[in-house]
Amino acid sequence: IRCEKEKGVYDFGWLDEVVDGLLKIGIQPWFNLGYGNSLYTPKADATAVGWVPVFDDSAMEGWKNFTAKIAEHFKGRVTHWEIWNEPNITGFWKPGKPDAASYVKLVEQTATLLRKAVPGAVLIGGGFAGIPMDYYKACLEAGLAKHVDKISYHPYRTVPEKGYEGEIAQMRALLAKHGASHVGLWQGENGCPSKKGSAGALSQQDWNEARQAKWLTRRILSDLRLEIELTSYFLIVDLIGYRGKVNLKGLLRGEDYSPKPAFFAYQNLCALFDSETRRFKVKFKIEGAGETATVAAGFKRQGKPLIAYWAVEDLMQDVAAKKVALALGEQEKAQMPKPALLDPLSGQIYRMASFDALPLADYPLILADESVFA
């Protein structure tokens, strides 16, 4: 509605400012094409959030015209386009009930217009709320993977690791079954609040800024561990005035844009897990954790091993770090003559005398030779 306040008259000026600003600092934006327009759906409120055009011929025509215009306007600047947001829940599939076949039909018609206007467009489908396996299966059966290059999902959960590895394996197996192993998986939206009572997902848990930072590191490292093609954090700054509340998932505080601890934690992860760091099978084993569930992953950075590990604890309960031993393979040990441990929350790097008494925390700690952190 902000781009089309009068039927057939489009104003993308406010988006030009955003897109050009991002491109100027080296960030490639990706668009989510979603929601309706009360010009075409009079029953919707002024924002038409969640109103889908598939139930009305006039609305569908308006959607197609809008898609063609915005794609033509931003071709050469925006190459990645996601089609709709969370179509599997009623709040974003109004006024009917979520239906995978109808969603795929919307994707097909939208994708045709995008590919015509934007040569080399990368199209993202899904944008699922959570990982709705039955809905996902139905989308693949309806042909979703024929029209998109990536499939995205929003895995909101208090414990990021809970059931996640199995779900990703199942999603990949289903893609393979449909001859679509080339379609990448994107974690397209995920975040947690820094305080209880936030708007949006996970709002009722007893969050604070420290727990938010821990959650973020576990979310991002879980995605990197499972080699998810793209992982994102929602959102940069607290969203003030969101349906009468504040969405407190921001890395920056909404009232003054000051950084929260999660901002610095994410900054530390991004500095280390860049294009020079790749997932790699490193020989190691955590010993002495007892009944505490642990997760670990090996990487290589500049040809040297790097290990991230943590305890899968409930973040609503503050627990003290334990001591564990890390049994490394001989080759890995030889490549860490000066072992050091990075704490991404504080940014501190600690030299370790041995691998026999390492701290095990409820967020990832990262072990490597100190030269890797230089």
Protein backbone atom coordinates (compact mmCIF):
# COMPACT_ATOMS: atom_id res chain seq x y z
CA ILE A 1 0.00 0.00 0.00
CA ARG A 2 2.92 2.35 0.58
CA CYS A 3 4.04 1.88 -3.02
CA GLU A 4 0.57 1.97 -4.63
CA LYS A 5 -1.82 4.40 -2.98
CA GLU A 6 -3.80 4.83 -6.16
CA LYS A 7 -4.53 1.93 -8.49
CA GLY A 8 -1.87 1.68 -11.16
CA VAL A 9 0.22 4.54 -9.77
CA TYR A 10 3.49 3.37 -8.20
CA ASP A 11 6.00 5.21 -6.03
CA PHE A 12 9.16 3.28 -5.10
CA GLY A 13 11.09 6.31 -3.86
CA TRP A 14 11.28 5.18 -0.23
CA LEU A 15 12.56 1.77 -1.33
CA ASP A 16 15.11 3.38 -3.68
CA GLU A 17 16.62 5.12 -0.67
CA VAL A 18 16.88 1.84 1.26
CA VAL A 19 18.23 -0.24 -1.62
CA ASP A 20 20.76 2.33 -2.81
CA GLY A 21 21.95 2.89 0.75
CA LEU A 22 22.58 -0.82 1.23
CA LEU A 23 24.33 -1.23 -2.11
CA LYS A 24 26.55 1.73 -1.30
CA ILE A 25 27.96 -0.06 1.75
CA GLY A 26 28.35 -3.39 -0.04
CA ILE A 27 25.17 -5.17 1.08
CA GLN A 28 23.08 -7.02 -1.51
CA PRO A 29 19.42 -6.59 -0.50
CA TRP A 30 16.78 -9.23 -1.04
CA PHE A 31 13.12 -8.43 -1.29
CA ASN A 32 10.16 -10.24 0.19
CA LEU A 33 7.14 -9.72 -2.03
CA GLY A 34 4.21 -10.15 0.27
CA TYR A 35 0.83 -8.99 1.51
CA GLY A 36 -2.05 -7.25 -0.19
CA ASN A 37 -3.42 -3.81 -0.81
CA SER A 38 -6.71 -2.51 0.57
CA LEU A 39 -7.34 -0.88 -2.80
CA TYR A 40 -8.08 -4.37 -4.08
CA THR A 41 -9.28 -6.02 -0.86
CA PRO A 42 -11.68 -3.54 0.80
CA LYS A 43 -12.35 -5.91 3.70
CA ALA A 44 -8.70 -5.67 4.78
CA ASP A 45 -7.42 -3.05 7.17
CA ALA A 46 -5.27 -0.19 5.90
CA THR A 47 -2.07 -2.25 5.84
CA ALA A 48 -3.61 -5.43 4.32
CA VAL A 49 -0.91 -7.42 6.13
CA GLY A 50 -1.38 -11.10 5.35
CA TRP A 51 -4.09 -10.60 2.73
CA VAL A 52 -3.31 -12.79 -0.26
CA PRO A 53 -4.57 -11.97 -3.77
CA VAL A 54 -5.44 -15.52 -4.85
CA PHE A 55 -9.07 -15.27 -3.68
CA ASP A 56 -10.05 -12.40 -5.96
CA ASP A 57 -9.41 -11.86 -9.69
CA SER A 58 -9.09 -8.09 -9.31
CA ALA A 59 -6.60 -8.45 -6.46
CA MET A 60 -4.61 -10.99 -8.47
CA GLU A 61 -4.43 -8.65 -11.42
CA GLY A 62 -3.28 -5.87 -9.11
CA TRP A 63 -0.63 -8.20 -7.65
CA LYS A 64 0.69 -9.14 -11.09
CA ASN A 65 0.87 -5.52 -12.20
CA PHE A 66 2.68 -4.54 -9.01
CA THR A 67 5.14 -7.44 -9.34
CA ALA A 68 5.97 -6.54 -12.93
CA LYS A 69 6.49 -2.87 -12.06
CA ILE A 70 8.66 -3.37 -9.00
CA ALA A 71 10.76 -6.02 -10.75
CA GLU A 72 11.35 -3.74 -13.74
CA HIS A 73 12.17 -0.82 -11.44
CA PHE A 74 14.79 -2.68 -9.39
CA LYS A 75 16.34 -4.97 -12.01
CA GLY A 76 20.10 -4.59 -11.90
CA ARG A 77 19.94 -3.62 -8.24
CA VAL A 78 17.92 -6.39 -6.58
CA THR A 79 18.49 -9.95 -7.77
CA HIS A 80 17.01 -11.99 -4.87
CA TRP A 81 13.22 -12.12 -4.49
CA GLU A 82 11.26 -14.07 -1.88
CA ILE A 83 7.61 -14.76 -2.65
CA TRP A 84 5.24 -14.25 0.29
CA ASN A 85 5.78 -14.61 4.02
CA GLU A 86 4.64 -17.51 6.21
CA PRO A 87 1.83 -18.74 3.93
CA ASN A 88 1.28 -21.75 6.19
CA ILE A 89 -0.40 -19.76 8.99
CA THR A 90 -3.80 -18.09 8.94
CA GLY A 91 -2.49 -14.68 9.99
CA PHE A 92 -0.64 -14.37 6.71
CA TRP A 93 -3.07 -16.16 4.39
CA LYS A 94 -6.24 -14.10 4.63
CA PRO A 95 -9.14 -14.38 4.17
CA GLY A 96 -8.98 -18.15 3.54
CA LYS A 97 -7.22 -21.10 5.10
CA PRO A 98 -3.58 -21.93 4.30
CA ASP A 99 -3.35 -24.20 1.28
CA ALA A 100 -0.08 -25.41 -0.23
CA ALA A 101 -1.44 -25.82 -3.77
CA SER A 102 -2.79 -22.26 -3.80
CA TYR A 103 0.50 -20.94 -2.50
CA VAL A 104 2.48 -22.75 -5.21
CA LYS A 105 0.12 -21.34 -7.83
CA LEU A 106 0.86 -17.84 -6.52
CA VAL A 107 4.59 -18.61 -6.65
CA GLU A 108 4.34 -19.89 -10.22
CA GLN A 109 2.56 -16.80 -11.51
CA THR A 110 4.84 -14.43 -9.61
CA ALA A 111 8.03 -16.26 -10.60
CA THR A 112 7.14 -16.02 -14.28
CA LEU A 113 6.96 -12.24 -14.07
CA LEU A 114 10.14 -11.92 -11.99
CA ARG A 115 12.25 -14.09 -14.28
CA LYS A 116 11.02 -12.17 -17.32
CA ALA A 117 11.95 -8.79 -15.82
CA VAL A 118 15.10 -9.70 -13.88
CA PRO A 119 17.68 -11.77 -15.79
CA GLY A 120 19.42 -14.19 -13.43
CA ALA A 121 16.92 -13.60 -10.63
CA VAL A 122 17.31 -15.82 -7.57
CA LEU A 123 13.84 -16.74 -6.34
CA ILE A 124 13.07 -17.88 -2.82
CA GLY A 125 9.91 -19.77 -1.92
CA GLY A 126 8.47 -20.88 1.37
CA GLY A 127 9.15 -18.27 4.00
CA PHE A 128 7.50 -20.85 6.23
CA ALA A 129 6.55 -20.14 9.82
CA GLY A 130 8.57 -22.79 11.63
CA ILE A 131 9.32 -25.98 9.72
CA PRO A 132 5.81 -27.26 8.87
CA MET A 133 6.76 -30.63 7.42
CA ASP A 134 3.33 -31.62 6.10
CA TYR A 135 2.82 -28.25 4.42
CA TYR A 136 6.38 -28.39 3.05
CA LYS A 137 5.73 -31.85 1.58
CA ALA A 138 2.51 -30.62 0.01
CA CYS A 139 4.33 -27.65 -1.54
CA LEU A 140 6.93 -29.94 -3.10
CA GLU A 141 4.21 -32.25 -4.40
CA ALA A 142 2.51 -29.21 -5.97
CA GLY A 143 5.76 -28.32 -7.76
CA LEU A 144 7.28 -25.55 -5.63
CA ALA A 145 10.87 -26.61 -6.38
CA LYS A 146 10.25 -26.15 -10.12
CA HIS A 147 9.73 -22.42 -9.69
CA VAL A 148 12.28 -21.38 -7.06
CA ASP A 149 16.02 -21.59 -6.44
CA LYS A 150 15.89 -21.55 -2.63
CA ILE A 151 13.40 -22.53 0.06
CA SER A 152 13.33 -20.52 3.28
CA TYR A 153 11.92 -21.18 6.73
CA HIS A 154 11.67 -19.41 10.10
CA PRO A 155 12.58 -21.89 12.89
CA TYR A 156 11.53 -19.93 15.99
CA ARG A 157 12.13 -22.00 19.13
CA THR A 158 13.50 -21.30 22.59
CA VAL A 159 16.06 -24.09 22.25
CA PRO A 160 17.53 -23.59 18.75
CA GLU A 161 18.89 -27.13 18.48
CA LYS A 162 15.68 -28.93 19.48
CA GLY A 163 14.83 -31.38 16.69
CA TYR A 164 16.62 -29.16 14.18
CA GLU A 165 19.20 -31.56 12.76
CA GLY A 166 16.56 -34.20 12.02
CA GLU A 167 14.24 -31.68 10.39
CA ILE A 168 16.96 -30.37 8.09
CA ALA A 169 17.87 -33.92 7.11
CA GLN A 170 14.22 -34.62 6.31
CA MET A 171 13.85 -31.43 4.28
CA ARG A 172 16.92 -32.33 2.22
CA ALA A 173 15.71 -35.90 1.73
CA LEU A 174 12.37 -34.62 0.42
CA LEU A 175 14.13 -32.28 -2.00
CA ALA A 176 16.18 -35.20 -3.27
CA LYS A 177 13.03 -37.31 -3.63
CA HIS A 178 11.57 -34.62 -5.89
CA GLY A 179 14.76 -34.29 -7.92
CA ALA A 180 15.50 -30.89 -6.42
CA SER A 181 18.71 -31.37 -4.44
CA HIS A 182 20.03 -28.26 -6.20
CA VAL A 183 17.51 -26.09 -4.34
CA GLY A 184 19.24 -24.51 -1.35
CA LEU A 185 17.80 -24.12 2.14
CA TRP A 186 17.77 -20.67 3.69
CA GLN A 187 17.13 -19.84 7.32
CA GLY A 188 15.35 -16.69 6.30
CA GLU A 189 14.14 -15.18 9.58
CA ASN A 190 14.89 -15.92 13.19
CA GLY A 191 15.52 -13.98 16.35
CA CYS A 192 14.66 -13.80 20.02
CA PRO A 193 13.66 -10.95 22.33
CA SER A 194 15.91 -9.26 24.84
CA LYS A 195 13.06 -8.87 27.33
CA LYS A 196 9.84 -10.63 28.23
CA GLY A 197 6.67 -9.13 26.78
CA SER A 198 7.98 -8.39 23.30
CA ALA A 199 5.75 -8.48 20.26
CA GLY A 200 6.08 -11.46 17.96
CA ALA A 201 7.44 -14.96 18.43
CA LEU A 202 8.96 -16.25 21.69
CA SER A 203 7.55 -13.26 23.55
CA GLN A 204 6.42 -14.98 26.75
CA GLN A 205 9.74 -16.45 27.84
CA ASP A 206 11.83 -14.77 30.53
CA TRP A 207 14.42 -13.23 28.22
CA ASN A 208 17.12 -10.72 29.04
CA GLU A 209 19.92 -9.24 26.96
CA ALA A 210 22.50 -11.83 28.02
CA ARG A 211 20.17 -14.71 27.14
CA GLN A 212 19.42 -13.11 23.80
CA ALA A 213 23.15 -13.00 22.98
CA LYS A 214 23.60 -16.65 23.95
CA TRP A 215 20.57 -17.68 21.90
CA LEU A 216 21.88 -15.83 18.85
CA THR A 217 25.26 -17.57 18.92
CA ARG A 218 23.56 -20.97 19.24
CA ARG A 219 21.12 -20.19 16.41
CA ILE A 220 23.82 -19.04 13.98
CA LEU A 221 26.31 -21.80 14.84
CA SER A 222 23.56 -24.42 14.53
CA ASP A 223 22.89 -23.21 11.00
CA LEU A 224 26.59 -23.12 10.10
CA ARG A 225 27.06 -26.58 11.57
CA LEU A 226 24.33 -27.99 9.33
CA GLU A 227 25.66 -26.07 6.32
CA ILE A 228 22.53 -24.03 5.76
CA GLU A 229 23.24 -21.94 2.68
CA LEU A 230 22.13 -18.67 4.25
CA THR A 231 21.42 -17.83 7.87
CA SER A 232 19.88 -14.57 9.01
CA TYR A 233 19.01 -12.80 12.24
CA PHE A 234 15.74 -10.90 12.71
CA LEU A 235 16.08 -8.02 13.39
CA ILE A 236 18.67 -5.23 13.35
CA VAL A 237 16.86 -2.76 15.63
CA ASP A 238 13.84 -3.08 17.91
CA LEU A 239 10.65 -2.50 15.94
CA ILE A 240 8.74 0.22 17.79
CA GLY A 241 5.00 0.55 17.30
CA TYR A 242 4.55 -2.95 15.91
CA ARG A 243 0.80 -3.55 16.32
CA GLY A 244 0.82 -1.35 19.38
CA LYS A 245 3.83 -3.06 20.97
CA VAL A 246 7.60 -3.19 20.55
CA ASN A 247 9.31 -6.16 18.94
CA LEU A 248 12.40 -6.45 21.11
CA LYS A 249 14.39 -8.84 18.93
CA GLY A 250 16.69 -6.08 17.71
CA LEU A 251 20.46 -6.14 18.02
CA LEU A 252 20.14 -2.40 18.67
CA ARG A 253 17.84 -0.81 21.24
CA GLY A 254 14.92 0.90 19.60
CA GLU A 255 14.93 4.04 21.71
CA ASP A 256 18.48 5.16 20.95
CA TYR A 257 20.06 2.62 18.54
CA SER A 258 22.63 1.64 21.17
CA PRO A 259 24.02 -1.90 20.73
CA LYS A 260 22.92 -4.79 22.92
CA PRO A 261 25.33 -7.59 23.89
CA ALA A 262 23.89 -9.67 21.02
CA PHE A 263 25.20 -7.07 18.55
CA PHE A 264 28.78 -7.62 19.66
CA ALA A 265 28.35 -11.39 19.80
CA TYR A 266 27.08 -11.42 16.21
CA GLN A 267 29.89 -9.09 15.16
CA ASN A 268 32.45 -11.51 16.61
CA LEU A 269 30.87 -14.48 14.80
CA CYS A 270 30.73 -12.63 11.49
CA ALA A 271 34.39 -11.64 11.76
CA LEU A 272 35.42 -15.26 12.27
CA PHE A 273 32.93 -17.17 10.11
CA ASP A 274 33.51 -15.31 6.89
CA SER A 275 34.53 -16.53 3.42
CA GLU A 276 37.79 -17.91 4.81
CA THR A 277 36.04 -20.34 7.18
CA ARG A 278 34.44 -23.54 5.92
CA ARG A 279 32.70 -26.49 7.53
CA PHE A 280 35.16 -29.36 7.83
CA LYS A 281 35.22 -32.72 9.59
CA VAL A 282 37.69 -32.31 12.40
CA LYS A 283 38.59 -35.27 14.62
CA PHE A 284 37.66 -34.52 18.23
CA LYS A 285 35.49 -35.75 21.08
CA ILE A 286 34.10 -33.98 24.13
CA GLU A 287 34.77 -35.94 27.32
CA GLY A 288 33.51 -35.38 30.84
CA ALA A 289 30.19 -33.69 30.08
CA GLY A 290 28.25 -36.40 31.89
CA GLU A 291 24.51 -36.21 31.24
CA THR A 292 24.75 -32.71 29.77
CA ALA A 293 23.85 -32.74 26.08
CA THR A 294 26.47 -31.09 23.91
CA VAL A 295 26.74 -29.93 20.31
CA ALA A 296 29.99 -29.38 18.46
CA ALA A 297 31.17 -28.68 14.95
CA GLY A 298 34.50 -28.59 13.19
CA PHE A 299 35.58 -25.95 10.68
CA LYS A 300 38.75 -24.89 8.95
CA ARG A 301 39.95 -21.33 8.64
CA GLN A 302 42.94 -20.57 6.46
CA GLY A 303 43.69 -24.29 6.46
CA LYS A 304 43.69 -24.60 10.26
CA PRO A 305 41.12 -26.41 12.44
CA LEU A 306 38.53 -24.51 14.43
CA ILE A 307 36.05 -26.14 16.82
CA ALA A 308 32.83 -24.65 18.17
CA TYR A 309 31.14 -26.47 21.05
CA TRP A 310 28.47 -25.81 23.66
CA ALA A 311 26.00 -27.33 26.11
CA VAL A 312 22.36 -27.60 25.04
CA GLU A 313 20.97 -26.05 28.20
CA ASP A 314 17.65 -24.28 28.76
CA LEU A 315 18.52 -20.61 28.41
CA MET A 316 15.77 -19.64 30.85
CA GLN A 317 17.92 -21.22 33.57
CA ASP A 318 21.29 -19.63 34.26
CA VAL A 319 23.86 -22.39 34.66
CA ALA A 320 27.52 -22.25 35.55
CA ALA A 321 30.12 -23.40 33.05
CA LYS A 322 31.48 -26.90 33.52
CA LYS A 323 34.91 -28.32 32.76
CA VAL A 324 35.41 -30.86 29.99
CA ALA A 325 38.27 -32.38 28.07
CA LEU A 326 38.60 -32.30 24.31
CA ALA A 327 40.22 -35.36 22.77
CA LEU A 328 41.72 -34.23 19.47
CA GLY A 329 43.12 -36.21 16.59
CA GLU A 330 46.89 -36.10 16.26
CA GLN A 331 46.77 -33.96 13.12
CA GLU A 332 44.39 -31.46 14.74
CA LYS A 333 46.53 -31.31 17.85
CA ALA A 334 49.63 -30.66 15.77
CA GLN A 335 47.86 -27.75 14.05
CA MET A 336 47.10 -26.13 17.40
CA PRO A 337 50.54 -25.64 18.95
CA LYS A 338 49.22 -22.58 20.81
CA PRO A 339 45.57 -23.37 21.56
CA ALA A 340 43.30 -20.46 22.36
CA LEU A 341 39.63 -20.10 23.19
CA LEU A 342 37.37 -17.32 21.90
CA ASP A 343 34.36 -16.25 23.94
CA PRO A 344 32.08 -14.60 21.33
CA LEU A 345 30.00 -12.83 23.98
CA SER A 346 32.91 -10.90 25.45
CA GLY A 347 35.26 -11.03 22.47
CA GLN A 348 38.02 -12.19 24.81
CA ILE A 349 40.60 -14.73 23.65
CA TYR A 350 42.20 -16.98 26.25
CA ARG A 351 45.36 -19.01 25.87
CA MET A 352 44.86 -22.61 26.97
CA ALA A 353 47.57 -24.66 28.63
CA SER A 354 45.99 -27.94 27.51
CA PHE A 355 42.85 -29.52 26.14
CA ASP A 356 42.03 -31.27 29.42
CA ALA A 357 40.17 -28.55 31.33
CA LEU A 358 38.16 -26.49 28.90
CA PRO A 359 35.03 -24.59 29.97
CA LEU A 360 31.68 -25.88 28.67
CA ALA A 361 29.10 -23.08 28.57
CA ASP A 362 25.47 -22.79 27.48
CA TYR A 363 26.61 -20.91 24.38
CA PRO A 364 29.36 -21.65 21.82
CA LEU A 365 33.01 -21.29 22.72
CA ILE A 366 35.45 -21.53 19.84
CA LEU A 367 38.79 -23.32 20.02
CA ALA A 368 41.63 -22.85 17.54
CA ASP A 369 45.30 -22.03 17.39
CA GLU A 370 45.83 -18.45 18.52
CA SER A 371 47.13 -17.57 15.03
CA VAL A 372 43.60 -18.12 13.67
CA PHE A 373 42.31 -15.28 15.85
CA ALA A 374 45.09 -12.86 14.89
